[in-house]
């Protein structure tokens, strides 16, 4: 449940940042925030996929032989 709350907080912050887009400094800060958020999401997804592959390999359900 904590993760959902964190994501909601980030979404709220992104909405505030978007509303401040009238100023170059604000736009730059907003883009830094969006970029970091995207990197975190990608990193999390990558970790999840690696975990799934590892578990399947351990169970013998996946092979990478050529």
PDB file of N, CA and C in Angstrom:
ATOM      1  N   UNK A   1       0.821  -1.193   0.000  1.00  0.00           N
ATOM      2  CA  UNK A   1       0.000   0.000   0.000  1.00  0.00           C
ATOM      3  C   UNK A   1       0.866   1.258   0.000  1.00  0.00           C
ATOM      4  N   UNK A   2       2.014   1.174   0.641  1.00  0.00           N
ATOM      5  CA  UNK A   2       2.922   2.315   0.696  1.00  0.00           C
ATOM      6  C   UNK A   2       3.358   2.737  -0.699  1.00  0.00           C
ATOM      7  N   UNK A   3       3.610   1.758  -1.576  1.00  0.00           N
ATOM      8  CA  UNK A   3       4.031   2.063  -2.937  1.00  0.00           C
ATOM      9  C   UNK A   3       2.967   2.873  -3.671  1.00  0.00           C
ATOM     10  N   UNK A   4       1.716   2.509  -3.501  1.00  0.00           N
ATOM     11  CA  UNK A   4       0.624   3.245  -4.144  1.00  0.00           C
ATOM     12  C   UNK A   4       0.633   4.692  -3.655  1.00  0.00           C
ATOM     13  N   UNK A   5       0.825   4.887  -2.369  1.00  0.00           N
ATOM     14  CA  UNK A   5       0.855   6.228  -1.800  1.00  0.00           C
ATOM     15  C   UNK A   5       2.014   7.036  -2.370  1.00  0.00           C
ATOM     16  N   UNK A   6       3.181   6.396  -2.506  1.00  0.00           N
ATOM     17  CA  UNK A   6       4.336   7.090  -3.079  1.00  0.00           C
ATOM     18  C   UNK A   6       4.043   7.516  -4.513  1.00  0.00           C
ATOM     19  N   UNK A   7       3.478   6.603  -5.303  1.00  0.00           N
ATOM     20  CA  UNK A   7       3.171   6.941  -6.690  1.00  0.00           C
ATOM     21  C   UNK A   7       2.153   8.068  -6.769  1.00  0.00           C
ATOM     22  N   UNK A   8       1.182   8.056  -5.885  1.00  0.00           N
ATOM     23  CA  UNK A   8       0.194   9.134  -5.879  1.00  0.00           C
ATOM     24  C   UNK A   8       0.872  10.458  -5.554  1.00  0.00           C
ATOM     25  N   UNK A   9       1.808  10.433  -4.631  1.00  0.00           N
ATOM     26  CA  UNK A   9       2.541  11.642  -4.272  1.00  0.00           C
ATOM     27  C   UNK A   9       3.354  12.169  -5.431  1.00  0.00           C
ATOM     28  N   UNK A  10       3.978  11.258  -6.150  1.00  0.00           N
ATOM     29  CA  UNK A  10       4.773  11.665  -7.312  1.00  0.00           C
ATOM     30  C   UNK A  10       3.865  12.236  -8.384  1.00  0.00           C
ATOM     31  N   UNK A  11       2.748  11.577  -8.619  1.00  0.00           N
ATOM     32  CA  UNK A  11       1.808  12.075  -9.625  1.00  0.00           C
ATOM     33  C   UNK A  11       1.310  13.480  -9.258  1.00  0.00           C
ATOM     34  N   UNK A  12       1.052  13.695  -7.991  1.00  0.00           N
ATOM     35  CA  UNK A  12       0.597  15.012  -7.540  1.00  0.00           C
ATOM     36  C   UNK A  12       1.698  16.060  -7.764  1.00  0.00           C
ATOM     37  N   UNK A  13       2.925  15.681  -7.454  1.00  0.00           N
ATOM     38  CA  UNK A  13       4.054  16.598  -7.658  1.00  0.00           C
ATOM     39  C   UNK A  13       4.238  16.903  -9.141  1.00  0.00           C
ATOM     40  N   UNK A  14       4.064  15.885  -9.984  1.00  0.00           N
ATOM     41  CA  UNK A  14       4.184  16.106 -11.428  1.00  0.00           C
ATOM     42  C   UNK A  14       3.103  17.071 -11.920  1.00  0.00           C
ATOM     43  N   UNK A  15       1.906  16.930 -11.396  1.00  0.00           N
ATOM     44  CA  UNK A  15       0.813  17.828 -11.786  1.00  0.00           C
ATOM     45  C   UNK A  15       1.133  19.266 -11.380  1.00  0.00           C
ATOM     46  N   UNK A  16       1.681  19.437 -10.172  1.00  0.00           N
ATOM     47  CA  UNK A  16       2.061  20.793  -9.737  1.00  0.00           C
ATOM     48  C   UNK A  16       3.160  21.348 -10.626  1.00  0.00           C
ATOM     49  N   UNK A  17       4.131  20.495 -10.925  1.00  0.00           N
ATOM     50  CA  UNK A  17       5.233  20.931 -11.793  1.00  0.00           C
ATOM     51  C   UNK A  17       4.737  21.333 -13.163  1.00  0.00           C
ATOM     52  N   UNK A  18       3.805  20.558 -13.674  1.00  0.00           N
ATOM     53  CA  UNK A  18       3.250  20.867 -14.994  1.00  0.00           C
ATOM     54  C   UNK A  18       2.540  22.210 -14.984  1.00  0.00           C
ATOM     55  N   UNK A  19       1.862  22.527 -13.895  1.00  0.00           N
ATOM     56  CA  UNK A  19       1.139  23.800 -13.821  1.00  0.00           C
ATOM     57  C   UNK A  19       2.088  24.985 -13.722  1.00  0.00           C
ATOM     58  N   UNK A  20       3.345  24.733 -13.337  1.00  0.00           N
ATOM     59  CA  UNK A  20       4.325  25.823 -13.219  1.00  0.00           C
ATOM     60  C   UNK A  20       5.129  26.004 -14.503  1.00  0.00           C
ATOM     61  N   UNK A  21       4.669  25.427 -15.579  1.00  0.00           N
ATOM     62  CA  UNK A  21       5.460  25.406 -16.808  1.00  0.00           C
ATOM     63  C   UNK A  21       5.593  26.756 -17.510  1.00  0.00           C
ATOM     64  N   UNK A  22       5.083  27.802 -16.911  1.00  0.00           N
ATOM     65  CA  UNK A  22       5.179  29.128 -17.530  1.00  0.00           C
ATOM     66  C   UNK A  22       6.581  29.714 -17.439  1.00  0.00           C
ATOM     67  N   UNK A  23       7.416  29.180 -16.568  1.00  0.00           N
ATOM     68  CA  UNK A  23       8.749  29.729 -16.342  1.00  0.00           C
ATOM     69  C   UNK A  23       9.813  28.705 -16.709  1.00  0.00           C
ATOM     70  N   UNK A  24      10.872  29.176 -17.365  1.00  0.00           N
ATOM     71  CA  UNK A  24      11.932  28.273 -17.831  1.00  0.00           C
ATOM     72  C   UNK A  24      12.539  27.465 -16.680  1.00  0.00           C
ATOM     73  N   UNK A  25      12.817  28.107 -15.566  1.00  0.00           N
ATOM     74  CA  UNK A  25      13.385  27.400 -14.412  1.00  0.00           C
ATOM     75  C   UNK A  25      12.451  26.293 -13.935  1.00  0.00           C
ATOM     76  N   UNK A  26      11.180  26.604 -13.915  1.00  0.00           N
ATOM     77  CA  UNK A  26      10.191  25.611 -13.488  1.00  0.00           C
ATOM     78  C   UNK A  26      10.109  24.466 -14.484  1.00  0.00           C
ATOM     79  N   UNK A  27      10.162  24.790 -15.774  1.00  0.00           N
ATOM     80  CA  UNK A  27      10.129  23.744 -16.799  1.00  0.00           C
ATOM     81  C   UNK A  27      11.332  22.823 -16.663  1.00  0.00           C
ATOM     82  N   UNK A  28      12.503  23.407 -16.424  1.00  0.00           N
ATOM     83  CA  UNK A  28      13.715  22.603 -16.255  1.00  0.00           C
ATOM     84  C   UNK A  28      13.594  21.672 -15.053  1.00  0.00           C
ATOM     85  N   UNK A  29      13.102  22.201 -13.953  1.00  0.00           N
ATOM     86  CA  UNK A  29      12.934  21.396 -12.751  1.00  0.00           C
ATOM     87  C   UNK A  29      11.910  20.286 -12.994  1.00  0.00           C
ATOM     88  N   UNK A  30      10.841  20.613 -13.664  1.00  0.00           N
ATOM     89  CA  UNK A  30       9.804  19.627 -13.976  1.00  0.00           C
ATOM     90  C   UNK A  30      10.391  18.494 -14.826  1.00  0.00           C
ATOM     91  N   UNK A  31      11.178  18.847 -15.834  1.00  0.00           N
ATOM     92  CA  UNK A  31      11.766  17.825 -16.693  1.00  0.00           C
ATOM     93  C   UNK A  31      12.751  16.948 -15.927  1.00  0.00           C
ATOM     94  N   UNK A  32      13.494  17.521 -14.986  1.00  0.00           N
ATOM     95  CA  UNK A  32      14.391  16.711 -14.158  1.00  0.00           C
ATOM     96  C   UNK A  32      13.577  15.709 -13.339  1.00  0.00           C
ATOM     97  N   UNK A  33      12.481  16.146 -12.796  1.00  0.00           N
ATOM     98  CA  UNK A  33      11.616  15.287 -11.997  1.00  0.00           C
ATOM     99  C   UNK A  33      11.023  14.160 -12.856  1.00  0.00           C
ATOM    100  N   UNK A  34      10.524  14.494 -14.024  1.00  0.00           N
ATOM    101  CA  UNK A  34       9.941  13.494 -14.918  1.00  0.00           C
ATOM    102  C   UNK A  34      11.004  12.468 -15.316  1.00  0.00           C
ATOM    103  N   UNK A  35      12.186  12.932 -15.656  1.00  0.00           N
ATOM    104  CA  UNK A  35      13.263  12.036 -16.065  1.00  0.00           C
ATOM    105  C   UNK A  35      13.635  11.073 -14.945  1.00  0.00           C
ATOM    106  N   UNK A  36      13.768  11.582 -13.734  1.00  0.00           N
ATOM    107  CA  UNK A  36      14.113  10.716 -12.605  1.00  0.00           C
ATOM    108  C   UNK A  36      13.006   9.696 -12.333  1.00  0.00           C
ATOM    109  N   UNK A  37      11.777  10.126 -12.400  1.00  0.00           N
ATOM    110  CA  UNK A  37      10.648   9.234 -12.173  1.00  0.00           C
ATOM    111  C   UNK A  37      10.630   8.116 -13.217  1.00  0.00           C
ATOM    112  N   UNK A  38      10.886   8.456 -14.481  1.00  0.00           N
ATOM    113  CA  UNK A  38      10.915   7.455 -15.541  1.00  0.00           C
ATOM    114  C   UNK A  38      12.054   6.466 -15.326  1.00  0.00           C
ATOM    115  N   UNK A  39      13.216   6.963 -14.914  1.00  0.00           N
ATOM    116  CA  UNK A  39      14.359   6.079 -14.656  1.00  0.00           C
ATOM    117  C   UNK A  39      14.044   5.091 -13.542  1.00  0.00           C
ATOM    118  N   UNK A  40      13.393   5.570 -12.503  1.00  0.00           N
ATOM    119  CA  UNK A  40      13.031   4.698 -11.378  1.00  0.00           C
ATOM    120  C   UNK A  40      12.054   3.628 -11.845  1.00  0.00           C
ATOM    121  N   UNK A  41      11.067   4.020 -12.644  1.00  0.00           N
ATOM    122  CA  UNK A  41      10.088   3.054 -13.141  1.00  0.00           C
ATOM    123  C   UNK A  41      10.759   2.003 -14.014  1.00  0.00           C
ATOM    124  N   UNK A  42      11.679   2.419 -14.875  1.00  0.00           N
ATOM    125  CA  UNK A  42      12.394   1.488 -15.752  1.00  0.00           C
ATOM    126  C   UNK A  42      13.262   0.540 -14.930  1.00  0.00           C
ATOM    127  N   UNK A  43      13.947   1.086 -13.950  1.00  0.00           N
ATOM    128  CA  UNK A  43      14.818   0.271 -13.100  1.00  0.00           C
ATOM    129  C   UNK A  43      13.997  -0.773 -12.344  1.00  0.00           C
ATOM    130  N   UNK A  44      12.859  -0.359 -11.829  1.00  0.00           N
ATOM    131  CA  UNK A  44      11.988  -1.275 -11.086  1.00  0.00           C
ATOM    132  C   UNK A  44      11.486  -2.389 -12.001  1.00  0.00           C
ATOM    133  N   UNK A  45      11.053  -2.025 -13.197  1.00  0.00           N
ATOM    134  CA  UNK A  45      10.534  -3.014 -14.148  1.00  0.00           C
ATOM    135  C   UNK A  45      11.638  -3.985 -14.550  1.00  0.00           C
ATOM    136  N   UNK A  46      12.836  -3.481 -14.773  1.00  0.00           N
ATOM    137  CA  UNK A  46      13.969  -4.322 -15.132  1.00  0.00           C
ATOM    138  C   UNK A  46      14.264  -5.327 -14.018  1.00  0.00           C
ATOM    139  N   UNK A  47      14.234  -4.864 -12.789  1.00  0.00           N
ATOM    140  CA  UNK A  47      14.483  -5.739 -11.652  1.00  0.00           C
ATOM    141  C   UNK A  47      13.410  -6.829 -11.570  1.00  0.00           C
ATOM    142  N   UNK A  48      12.168  -6.458 -11.796  1.00  0.00           N
ATOM    143  CA  UNK A  48      11.079  -7.436 -11.756  1.00  0.00           C
ATOM    144  C   UNK A  48      11.268  -8.509 -12.827  1.00  0.00           C
ATOM    145  N   UNK A  49      11.643  -8.089 -14.033  1.00  0.00           N
ATOM    146  CA  UNK A  49      11.838  -9.043 -15.117  1.00  0.00           C
ATOM    147  C   UNK A  49      13.009  -9.977 -14.830  1.00  0.00           C
ATOM    148  N   UNK A  50      14.098  -9.425 -14.299  1.00  0.00           N
ATOM    149  CA  UNK A  50      15.261 -10.260 -13.952  1.00  0.00           C
ATOM    150  C   UNK A  50      14.887 -11.291 -12.899  1.00  0.00           C
ATOM    151  N   UNK A  51      14.078 -10.893 -11.939  1.00  0.00           N
ATOM    152  CA  UNK A  51      13.644 -11.815 -10.891  1.00  0.00           C
ATOM    153  C   UNK A  51      12.789 -12.934 -11.476  1.00  0.00           C
ATOM    154  N   UNK A  52      11.890 -12.604 -12.368  1.00  0.00           N
ATOM    155  CA  UNK A  52      11.033 -13.605 -13.005  1.00  0.00           C
ATOM    156  C   UNK A  52      11.884 -14.589 -13.805  1.00  0.00           C
ATOM    157  N   UNK A  53      12.818 -14.075 -14.586  1.00  0.00           N
ATOM    158  CA  UNK A  53      13.680 -14.942 -15.400  1.00  0.00           C
ATOM    159  C   UNK A  53      14.514 -15.849 -14.509  1.00  0.00           C
ATOM    160  N   UNK A  54      15.060 -15.299 -13.451  1.00  0.00           N
ATOM    161  CA  UNK A  54      15.876 -16.094 -12.526  1.00  0.00           C
ATOM    162  C   UNK A  54      15.059 -17.232 -11.922  1.00  0.00           C
ATOM    163  N   UNK A  55      13.845 -16.931 -11.477  1.00  0.00           N
ATOM    164  CA  UNK A  55      12.993 -17.963 -10.882  1.00  0.00           C
ATOM    165  C   UNK A  55      12.632 -19.039 -11.898  1.00  0.00           C
ATOM    166  N   UNK A  56      12.352 -18.646 -13.119  1.00  0.00           N
ATOM    167  CA  UNK A  56      11.992 -19.623 -14.148  1.00  0.00           C
ATOM    168  C   UNK A  56      13.189 -20.491 -14.525  1.00  0.00           C
ATOM    169  N   UNK A  57      14.375 -19.874 -14.574  1.00  0.00           N
ATOM    170  CA  UNK A  57      15.576 -20.651 -14.864  1.00  0.00           C
ATOM    171  C   UNK A  57      15.812 -21.673 -13.762  1.00  0.00           C
ATOM    172  N   UNK A  58      15.615 -21.252 -12.516  1.00  0.00           N
ATOM    173  CA  UNK A  58      15.806 -22.155 -11.376  1.00  0.00           C
ATOM    174  C   UNK A  58      14.830 -23.322 -11.423  1.00  0.00           C
ATOM    175  N   UNK A  59      13.664 -23.099 -11.951  1.00  0.00           N
ATOM    176  CA  UNK A  59      12.641 -24.136 -12.047  1.00  0.00           C
ATOM    177  C   UNK A  59      12.776 -24.955 -13.334  1.00  0.00           C
ATOM    178  N   UNK A  60      13.725 -24.555 -14.164  1.00  0.00           N
ATOM    179  CA  UNK A  60      13.944 -25.285 -15.424  1.00  0.00           C
ATOM    180  C   UNK A  60      12.934 -24.967 -16.493  1.00  0.00           C
ATOM    181  N   UNK A  61      12.256 -23.873 -16.355  1.00  0.00           N
ATOM    182  CA  UNK A  61      11.198 -23.518 -17.326  1.00  0.00           C
ATOM    183  C   UNK A  61      11.710 -22.667 -18.490  1.00  0.00           C
ATOM    184  N   UNK A  62      12.939 -22.237 -18.404  1.00  0.00           N
ATOM    185  CA  UNK A  62      13.434 -21.356 -19.462  1.00  0.00           C
ATOM    186  C   UNK A  62      14.874 -21.727 -19.750  1.00  0.00           C
ATOM    187  N   UNK A  63      15.238 -21.697 -20.987  1.00  0.00           N
ATOM    188  CA  UNK A  63      16.645 -21.952 -21.345  1.00  0.00           C
ATOM    189  C   UNK A  63      17.058 -20.943 -22.397  1.00  0.00           C
ATOM    190  N   UNK A  64      18.337 -20.650 -22.391  1.00  0.00           N
ATOM    191  CA  UNK A  64      18.854 -19.665 -23.333  1.00  0.00           C
ATOM    192  C   UNK A  64      19.850 -20.312 -24.300  1.00  0.00           C
ATOM    193  N   UNK A  65      19.761 -21.617 -24.474  1.00  0.00           N
ATOM    194  CA  UNK A  65      20.661 -22.309 -25.402  1.00  0.00           C
ATOM    195  C   UNK A  65      20.388 -21.916 -26.833  1.00  0.00           C
ATOM    196  N   UNK A  66      21.439 -21.928 -27.643  1.00  0.00           N
ATOM    197  CA  UNK A  66      21.270 -21.560 -29.057  1.00  0.00           C
ATOM    198  C   UNK A  66      21.261 -22.785 -29.927  1.00  0.00           C
TER     199      UNK A  66
END
